[in-house]
Amino acid sequence: MTEPGVWLVTGGAGYIGGHTVARLLSEGRRVVVLDDLSTGLAHRLPVGVPLVNASVLDTDAVAGALREHAVSGVIHFAAKKSVPESMADPLLYYREIVGGTTSLLTAMREAGVGRLVYSSTAAVYGMPKQGIVRETDPAVPISPYGHSKLVSEQVIREVGRAHELSWLSLRYFNAVGADTVGLADHGASNLFPRIFRAFAQGRPVVVTGGDFDTPDGTGVRDYIHVGDLADAHVAAVHRLERGPAAAVLNVGTGRGYSVLEVLAAFREITGEDVPYEIVAPRAGDPATVIASVDRIAEELGWSARRDLKEMVASAWAAVDLPPPSPSGPPHLEKV
């Protein structure tokens, strides 16, 4: 049996990247991480994993890493990922996401590396007309973040046609949970960390929108455990190693939960009341966004395994709440 190749993971010190690195290592694979540590955390990487401290925009550094470690494929996570930030600074997002992707593709071509798993997003769909989103639905992003990801997908597709690049683009929905404390999500805008910060500060969770056309009026989203998401990336690696591929795949559970359902799950797991305050919805927020997951099941033989309660429980087990302030409100103790 042929020994598995070496995979370079850009952004491998990040939240999703760190989980994926752990999954690859659990299979006995050799992994190299390239991360500029602007948001990634070096302690997320197990001892012995080589870290190339460089930006994906540095084409020479990327090409050098690919050659030095005899890399056979790349999983590309490294990117900015805040919709509000992208609205405030679109040039930053086009430079980091589109520029970073073209830099990586250039380095891969120079080094003769022909396999790529691309970290994309459901934000490419914008305001879907249907609650269940399929890969064949129109991609009409409404933010520079979503548009820059879509443009990067288009660049990858064209490079694939011109230079025999084999690729899979994973459009994932809302990653939550954690496998360990060290791999916990510290994102400023993601729902679960926002709930924990509200806990710690003794204030209600802000819920944006309460009159959507959903069963309880709050937005419904497809949440996926980050461990399941990491498994999807490993399945994509397996698929690329079997032979050429070129496809866009949604990664979700195919099941939606409202914000109030999420808060109810937190209440059940923590044993504490979860106060909330409903405010006006954000401009452009759709009522319901749920992934159609038929294509990824067919292409990769993958499906999510964890439900909402497991997602919340894992996030709660991994969160590192700040100590209470003598002058501030008490924070929740875990139960």
Protein backbone atom coordinates (compact mmCIF):
# COMPACT_ATOMS: atom_id res chain seq x y z
CA MET A 1 0.00 0.00 0.00
CA THR A 2 1.31 3.45 -0.96
CA GLU A 3 2.16 5.68 2.01
CA PRO A 4 -0.15 8.74 2.21
CA GLY A 5 1.38 11.96 0.97
CA VAL A 6 2.26 15.06 2.97
CA TRP A 7 -0.46 17.72 3.22
CA LEU A 8 0.16 21.41 3.81
CA VAL A 9 -2.60 23.09 5.84
CA THR A 10 -2.68 26.87 5.47
CA GLY A 11 -4.27 28.50 8.50
CA GLY A 12 -3.72 25.24 10.37
CA ALA A 13 -3.33 27.05 13.71
CA GLY A 14 -6.89 28.37 13.44
CA TYR A 15 -10.14 27.02 14.85
CA ILE A 16 -11.22 24.76 11.97
CA GLY A 17 -7.68 24.25 10.71
CA GLY A 18 -6.51 23.05 14.12
CA HIS A 19 -9.25 20.44 14.30
CA THR A 20 -8.44 19.25 10.78
CA VAL A 21 -4.73 18.95 11.56
CA ALA A 22 -5.61 16.79 14.57
CA ARG A 23 -7.81 14.55 12.41
CA LEU A 24 -5.09 14.11 9.78
CA LEU A 25 -2.53 13.24 12.45
CA SER A 26 -4.90 10.68 13.96
CA GLU A 27 -4.70 8.81 10.65
CA GLY A 28 -0.91 8.73 10.89
CA ARG A 29 -0.49 11.33 8.18
CA ARG A 30 2.35 13.80 7.86
CA VAL A 31 1.15 17.39 8.09
CA VAL A 32 2.85 20.77 7.65
CA VAL A 33 1.15 24.00 8.76
CA LEU A 34 1.62 27.40 7.17
CA ASP A 35 0.16 30.19 9.30
CA ASP A 36 1.11 33.82 9.92
CA LEU A 37 -0.44 33.57 13.43
CA SER A 38 -2.39 36.79 12.91
CA THR A 39 -5.41 35.00 14.33
CA GLY A 40 -4.14 31.44 14.67
CA LEU A 41 -2.63 30.13 17.90
CA ALA A 42 0.60 28.14 17.81
CA HIS A 43 -0.41 26.12 20.89
CA ARG A 44 -3.19 24.53 18.85
CA LEU A 45 -0.55 22.53 16.99
CA PRO A 46 0.65 19.23 18.47
CA VAL A 47 4.35 18.82 19.19
CA GLY A 48 6.24 17.74 16.11
CA VAL A 49 4.04 19.42 13.50
CA PRO A 50 6.26 21.72 11.40
CA LEU A 51 5.04 25.32 11.43
CA VAL A 52 5.99 27.68 8.61
CA ASN A 53 5.33 31.14 10.08
CA ALA A 54 4.47 33.01 6.89
CA SER A 55 1.60 34.64 5.07
CA VAL A 56 -0.05 32.79 2.22
CA LEU A 57 0.48 36.04 0.29
CA ASP A 58 4.21 35.31 0.35
CA THR A 59 4.37 33.15 -2.76
CA ASP A 60 8.06 32.34 -2.39
CA ALA A 61 7.60 31.19 1.22
CA VAL A 62 4.66 28.99 0.23
CA ALA A 63 6.52 27.47 -2.72
CA GLY A 64 9.55 26.90 -0.52
CA ALA A 65 7.45 25.06 2.07
CA LEU A 66 5.81 22.92 -0.61
CA ARG A 67 9.21 21.88 -1.98
CA GLU A 68 11.02 21.49 1.34
CA HIS A 69 8.41 19.14 2.76
CA ALA A 70 7.61 17.31 -0.51
CA VAL A 71 3.94 18.25 -0.20
CA SER A 72 1.42 16.33 -2.30
CA GLY A 73 -1.71 18.36 -1.51
CA VAL A 74 -2.96 21.51 0.22
CA ILE A 75 -5.93 22.32 2.45
CA HIS A 76 -6.42 26.08 2.25
CA PHE A 77 -8.02 27.67 5.32
CA ALA A 78 -5.95 30.86 5.70
CA ALA A 79 -8.25 33.87 5.25
CA LYS A 80 -10.17 36.63 6.95
CA LYS A 81 -13.76 35.66 7.79
CA SER A 82 -15.81 38.51 9.24
CA VAL A 83 -18.74 39.78 7.17
CA PRO A 84 -18.94 43.16 9.01
CA GLU A 85 -15.19 43.68 8.73
CA SER A 86 -15.35 42.91 5.01
CA MET A 87 -18.04 45.56 4.57
CA ALA A 88 -15.85 48.12 6.35
CA ASP A 89 -12.63 47.19 4.56
CA PRO A 90 -13.36 45.38 1.28
CA LEU A 91 -9.86 45.92 -0.09
CA LEU A 92 -8.42 43.96 2.84
CA TYR A 93 -10.69 41.02 2.06
CA TYR A 94 -10.03 40.93 -1.68
CA ARG A 95 -6.30 41.17 -1.02
CA GLU A 96 -6.26 38.51 1.69
CA ILE A 97 -8.74 36.03 0.18
CA VAL A 98 -8.46 36.42 -3.59
CA GLY A 99 -4.82 37.52 -3.42
CA GLY A 100 -3.99 34.76 -0.98
CA THR A 101 -5.63 32.12 -3.16
CA THR A 102 -3.88 33.26 -6.33
CA SER A 103 -0.57 33.37 -4.45
CA LEU A 104 -1.11 29.82 -3.22
CA LEU A 105 -2.10 28.57 -6.68
CA THR A 106 1.00 30.17 -8.17
CA ALA A 107 3.20 28.48 -5.57
CA MET A 108 1.48 25.14 -6.14
CA ARG A 109 2.06 25.35 -9.87
CA GLU A 110 5.72 26.27 -9.37
CA ALA A 111 6.20 23.34 -6.97
CA GLY A 112 4.19 20.86 -9.04
CA VAL A 113 1.47 20.26 -6.41
CA GLY A 114 -1.85 19.33 -8.02
CA ARG A 115 -4.39 18.70 -5.22
CA LEU A 116 -6.36 21.36 -3.32
CA VAL A 117 -9.15 21.35 -0.74
CA TYR A 118 -10.55 24.88 -0.52
CA SER A 119 -12.26 26.30 2.55
CA SER A 120 -15.29 28.15 1.19
CA THR A 121 -18.52 29.33 2.79
CA ALA A 122 -22.29 29.41 2.55
CA ALA A 123 -21.92 33.21 2.39
CA VAL A 124 -21.42 32.79 -1.38
CA TYR A 125 -25.19 32.17 -1.67
CA GLY A 126 -26.10 35.59 -0.28
CA MET A 127 -29.87 35.75 0.24
CA PRO A 128 -31.08 32.32 -0.95
CA LYS A 129 -34.70 32.25 -2.12
CA GLN A 130 -35.23 28.79 -0.66
CA GLY A 131 -34.47 27.71 2.91
CA ILE A 132 -32.70 24.57 1.69
CA VAL A 133 -29.62 25.62 -0.28
CA ARG A 134 -28.23 23.44 -3.06
CA GLU A 135 -24.89 23.78 -4.81
CA THR A 136 -26.72 24.46 -8.07
CA ASP A 137 -28.59 27.45 -6.61
CA PRO A 138 -27.49 30.92 -7.72
CA ALA A 139 -24.44 32.25 -5.87
CA VAL A 140 -25.17 35.95 -5.32
CA PRO A 141 -23.08 37.03 -2.31
CA ILE A 142 -24.01 40.27 -0.54
CA SER A 143 -20.71 40.96 1.24
CA PRO A 144 -17.09 41.35 0.13
CA TYR A 145 -16.32 38.31 2.28
CA GLY A 146 -18.77 36.10 0.38
CA HIS A 147 -17.87 37.58 -2.99
CA SER A 148 -14.13 37.18 -2.45
CA LYS A 149 -14.68 33.52 -1.60
CA LEU A 150 -16.77 33.04 -4.74
CA VAL A 151 -14.16 34.76 -6.91
CA SER A 152 -11.51 32.49 -5.39
CA GLU A 153 -13.62 29.45 -6.29
CA GLN A 154 -13.84 30.72 -9.86
CA VAL A 155 -10.06 31.22 -10.02
CA ILE A 156 -9.50 27.68 -8.71
CA ARG A 157 -11.91 26.28 -11.31
CA GLU A 158 -10.14 28.07 -14.18
CA VAL A 159 -6.68 27.06 -12.94
CA GLY A 160 -7.94 23.50 -12.64
CA ARG A 161 -9.00 23.50 -16.28
CA ALA A 162 -5.79 25.08 -17.52
CA HIS A 163 -3.25 23.22 -15.40
CA GLU A 164 -4.86 19.91 -14.38
CA LEU A 165 -5.39 20.97 -10.77
CA SER A 166 -7.62 18.53 -8.89
CA TRP A 167 -9.79 20.36 -6.35
CA LEU A 168 -12.77 20.29 -4.03
CA SER A 169 -14.35 23.44 -2.61
CA LEU A 170 -16.21 22.92 0.66
CA ARG A 171 -18.91 25.50 1.31
CA TYR A 172 -19.61 25.11 4.96
CA PHE A 173 -22.29 26.60 7.08
CA ASN A 174 -21.98 27.48 10.81
CA ALA A 175 -19.11 25.68 12.54
CA VAL A 176 -19.54 25.34 16.31
CA GLY A 177 -18.32 23.26 19.24
CA ALA A 178 -14.82 22.00 19.99
CA ASP A 179 -12.96 18.76 20.61
CA THR A 180 -10.71 20.18 23.35
CA VAL A 181 -10.17 23.40 25.32
CA GLY A 182 -7.07 24.13 23.27
CA LEU A 183 -9.07 24.03 20.04
CA ALA A 184 -11.99 26.19 21.24
CA ASP A 185 -13.47 28.92 19.06
CA HIS A 186 -12.41 32.46 20.00
CA GLY A 187 -14.14 34.19 17.07
CA ALA A 188 -15.58 37.59 17.89
CA SER A 189 -18.68 37.34 15.70
CA ASN A 190 -19.68 33.67 15.97
CA LEU A 191 -22.85 32.86 17.93
CA PHE A 192 -21.48 30.44 20.53
CA PRO A 193 -18.56 32.68 21.65
CA ARG A 194 -21.00 35.62 21.80
CA ILE A 195 -23.24 33.63 24.12
CA PHE A 196 -20.31 32.77 26.38
CA ARG A 197 -19.19 36.40 26.53
CA ALA A 198 -22.70 37.44 27.51
CA PHE A 199 -22.62 34.79 30.25
CA ALA A 200 -19.31 36.05 31.58
CA GLN A 201 -20.38 39.70 31.53
CA GLY A 202 -23.77 39.09 33.12
CA ARG A 203 -25.74 40.60 30.25
CA PRO A 204 -28.43 39.20 27.93
CA VAL A 205 -27.56 37.55 24.65
CA VAL A 206 -28.42 39.87 21.77
CA VAL A 207 -30.68 38.14 19.23
CA THR A 208 -30.83 39.94 15.89
CA GLY A 209 -34.35 39.60 14.53
CA GLY A 210 -37.48 38.20 16.13
CA ASP A 211 -40.10 38.39 13.40
CA PHE A 212 -38.69 36.17 10.67
CA ASP A 213 -41.01 33.69 8.95
CA THR A 214 -39.83 30.83 11.17
CA PRO A 215 -41.60 28.83 13.90
CA ASP A 216 -40.39 31.10 16.73
CA GLY A 217 -39.54 34.24 14.73
CA THR A 218 -35.75 33.96 15.09
CA GLY A 219 -33.35 33.06 12.32
CA VAL A 220 -32.80 29.39 11.51
CA ARG A 221 -29.32 28.20 10.59
CA ASP A 222 -27.54 24.93 9.87
CA TYR A 223 -24.97 24.45 12.66
CA ILE A 224 -22.28 21.81 12.25
CA HIS A 225 -19.87 20.48 14.85
CA VAL A 226 -16.33 21.50 13.96
CA GLY A 227 -15.20 17.89 14.44
CA ASP A 228 -17.65 16.77 11.76
CA LEU A 229 -16.39 19.57 9.55
CA ALA A 230 -12.80 18.41 10.07
CA ASP A 231 -13.86 14.89 9.12
CA ALA A 232 -15.33 16.29 5.88
CA HIS A 233 -11.93 17.78 5.00
CA VAL A 234 -10.24 14.45 5.63
CA ALA A 235 -12.84 12.75 3.42
CA ALA A 236 -12.01 15.32 0.72
CA VAL A 237 -8.32 14.44 1.06
CA HIS A 238 -9.16 10.77 0.57
CA ARG A 239 -11.22 11.58 -2.51
CA LEU A 240 -8.45 13.62 -4.13
CA GLU A 241 -5.93 10.89 -3.46
CA ARG A 242 -8.16 8.41 -5.31
CA GLY A 243 -8.16 10.44 -8.50
CA PRO A 244 -9.00 13.74 -10.22
CA ALA A 245 -11.95 15.77 -8.94
CA ALA A 246 -13.46 19.20 -9.48
CA ALA A 247 -16.54 19.96 -7.40
CA VAL A 248 -18.26 22.36 -5.03
CA LEU A 249 -19.81 20.68 -1.98
CA ASN A 250 -21.99 21.99 0.83
CA VAL A 251 -20.94 20.92 4.33
CA GLY A 252 -23.71 21.00 6.92
CA THR A 253 -26.11 18.75 8.77
CA GLY A 254 -29.14 19.34 6.57
CA ARG A 255 -31.03 20.36 9.73
CA GLY A 256 -31.76 23.90 10.92
CA TYR A 257 -32.04 25.31 14.44
CA SER A 258 -33.37 28.71 15.46
CA VAL A 259 -31.46 31.05 17.75
CA LEU A 260 -33.98 30.38 20.52
CA GLU A 261 -33.52 26.63 20.07
CA VAL A 262 -29.78 27.15 20.48
CA LEU A 263 -30.35 29.16 23.67
CA ALA A 264 -32.68 26.45 24.98
CA ALA A 265 -29.93 23.88 24.39
CA PHE A 266 -27.49 26.06 26.33
CA ARG A 267 -30.02 26.29 29.14
CA GLU A 268 -30.33 22.49 29.22
CA ILE A 269 -26.57 21.89 29.18
CA THR A 270 -25.55 24.58 31.68
CA GLY A 271 -28.54 24.35 34.00
CA GLU A 272 -28.67 28.15 33.99
CA ASP A 273 -31.18 30.63 32.62
CA VAL A 274 -30.00 32.31 29.40
CA PRO A 275 -31.49 35.82 29.25
CA TYR A 276 -31.76 37.33 25.78
CA GLU A 277 -32.79 40.57 24.12
CA ILE A 278 -34.28 40.71 20.63
CA VAL A 279 -33.15 43.62 18.48
CA ALA A 280 -33.70 44.59 14.86
CA PRO A 281 -32.40 42.11 12.28
CA ARG A 282 -29.20 42.86 10.42
CA ALA A 283 -29.66 44.12 6.88
CA GLY A 284 -29.67 41.23 4.45
CA ASP A 285 -30.13 38.44 6.99
CA PRO A 286 -32.27 35.64 5.50
CA ALA A 287 -34.82 33.86 7.68
CA THR A 288 -33.59 30.33 7.03
CA VAL A 289 -30.38 28.89 5.58
CA ILE A 290 -29.95 25.10 5.65
CA ALA A 291 -27.52 23.04 3.60
CA SER A 292 -28.60 20.44 1.12
CA VAL A 293 -26.13 17.65 1.86
CA ASP A 294 -27.02 15.07 -0.78
CA ARG A 295 -24.07 15.87 -3.04
CA ILE A 296 -21.37 15.54 -0.37
CA ALA A 297 -22.87 12.25 0.80
CA GLU A 298 -22.69 10.95 -2.77
CA GLU A 299 -19.24 12.36 -3.62
CA LEU A 300 -17.40 11.73 -0.34
CA GLY A 301 -19.56 9.25 1.55
CA TRP A 302 -19.61 11.76 4.42
CA SER A 303 -22.40 12.95 6.69
CA ALA A 304 -22.48 14.88 9.96
CA ARG A 305 -22.92 12.78 13.11
CA ARG A 306 -23.47 15.22 16.00
CA ASP A 307 -26.72 16.96 16.93
CA LEU A 308 -27.24 20.38 18.51
CA LYS A 309 -27.05 19.12 22.09
CA GLU A 310 -23.67 17.51 21.40
CA MET A 311 -22.44 20.71 19.75
CA VAL A 312 -23.45 22.85 22.72
CA ALA A 313 -22.08 20.37 25.27
CA SER A 314 -18.70 20.24 23.55
CA ALA A 315 -18.50 24.02 23.31
CA TRP A 316 -19.39 24.39 26.98
CA ALA A 317 -16.83 21.77 28.03
CA ALA A 318 -14.12 23.57 26.06
CA VAL A 319 -14.86 27.20 26.92
CA ASP A 320 -12.40 29.01 29.16
CA LEU A 321 -14.48 31.68 30.88
CA PRO A 322 -12.61 34.69 32.28
CA PRO A 323 -12.40 35.05 36.06
CA PRO A 324 -15.06 37.23 37.68
CA SER A 325 -14.24 40.90 38.14
CA PRO A 326 -14.48 42.22 41.72
CA SER A 327 -16.44 45.20 40.43
CA GLY A 328 -18.31 43.51 37.61
CA PRO A 329 -21.11 40.97 37.30
CA PRO A 330 -20.45 37.34 38.25
CA HIS A 331 -19.80 34.91 35.45
CA LEU A 332 -21.41 31.50 35.15
CA GLU A 333 -19.66 28.60 36.74
CA LYS A 334 -19.80 25.38 34.74
CA VAL A 335 -22.21 22.75 36.01
